Protein backbone atom coordinates (compact mmCIF):
# COMPACT_ATOMS: atom_id res chain seq x y z
CA MET A 1 -18.56 -11.17 20.97
CA ASP A 2 -16.61 -13.77 22.94
CA PRO A 3 -14.09 -12.11 25.31
CA GLN A 4 -11.94 -15.24 25.69
CA PRO A 5 -9.14 -16.04 23.26
CA PRO A 6 -9.55 -19.12 21.08
CA ASN A 7 -8.22 -22.33 22.56
CA GLY A 8 -6.33 -24.96 20.71
CA PRO A 9 -2.95 -25.69 19.22
CA SER A 10 -3.50 -23.57 16.11
CA ALA A 11 -3.89 -20.33 18.09
CA THR A 12 -0.84 -21.07 20.22
CA ARG A 13 1.21 -22.08 17.21
CA SER A 14 0.26 -18.89 15.37
CA LEU A 15 1.42 -16.80 18.30
CA TRP A 16 4.74 -18.63 18.51
CA LEU A 17 5.27 -18.19 14.76
CA ALA A 18 4.60 -14.47 15.12
CA ILE A 19 7.10 -14.25 17.97
CA ALA A 20 9.67 -16.14 15.90
CA GLY A 21 9.13 -13.77 12.97
CA LEU A 22 9.51 -10.68 15.13
CA PHE A 23 12.61 -12.09 16.80
CA SER A 24 14.12 -12.82 13.37
CA LEU A 25 13.26 -9.30 12.25
CA VAL A 26 15.13 -7.82 15.22
CA ILE A 27 18.15 -10.00 14.44
CA ALA A 28 18.05 -8.85 10.81
CA LEU A 29 17.85 -5.18 11.80
CA VAL A 30 20.81 -5.50 14.16
CA ALA A 31 22.86 -7.33 11.53
CA GLY A 32 22.06 -4.68 8.90
CA ILE A 33 22.93 -1.81 11.23
CA LEU A 34 26.20 -3.43 12.25
CA LYS A 35 27.11 -4.12 8.62
CA SER A 36 26.35 -0.53 7.61
CA GLN A 37 28.56 0.75 10.44
CA THR A 38 31.54 -0.95 8.80
CA GLY A 39 31.17 1.28 5.77
CA ALA A 40 29.47 -1.27 3.56
CA GLY A 41 26.98 -0.15 0.94
CA LEU A 42 23.23 -0.46 1.08
CA ALA A 43 23.16 -3.61 -1.05
CA ASP A 44 25.70 -5.37 1.17
CA SER A 45 23.78 -4.39 4.30
CA ALA A 46 20.49 -5.60 2.81
CA LEU A 47 22.08 -8.90 1.79
CA MET A 48 23.47 -9.38 5.28
CA SER A 49 20.07 -8.58 6.81
CA GLY A 50 18.32 -11.08 4.56
CA GLY A 51 20.78 -13.80 5.45
CA ALA A 52 20.48 -13.06 9.16
CA PHE A 53 16.68 -13.13 8.97
CA THR A 54 16.70 -16.44 7.11
CA ALA A 55 19.17 -18.05 9.50
CA ALA A 56 17.32 -16.84 12.59
CA MET A 57 13.93 -17.95 11.24
CA ILE A 58 15.24 -21.42 10.34
CA LEU A 59 16.73 -21.73 13.82
CA CYS A 60 13.47 -20.58 15.46
CA LEU A 61 11.39 -22.98 13.39
CA GLY A 62 13.75 -25.82 14.30
CA VAL A 63 13.46 -25.02 17.99
CA LEU A 64 9.67 -24.77 17.77
CA THR A 65 9.48 -28.09 15.96
CA ALA A 66 11.76 -29.78 18.51
CA ALA A 67 9.81 -28.30 21.40
CA GLN A 68 6.56 -29.61 19.97
CA GLY A 69 7.78 -33.17 20.40
CA PRO A 70 6.46 -36.31 18.77
CA ARG A 71 2.79 -36.42 17.88
């Protein structure tokens, strides 16, 4: 068993995508909790969470793409 992590852009990119997904999940949870605190129903809160997750993930993917630079 090799104790060192794999090198290369694919391993780094996978980690950044996982971080982006977790960050988007946190944003979605916060948005859903805030929406439910206003007295909205479960469906409205879920819809708000889905929109927040999508928006945050698109923003994260855009930032990751821009940070990658030209090939």
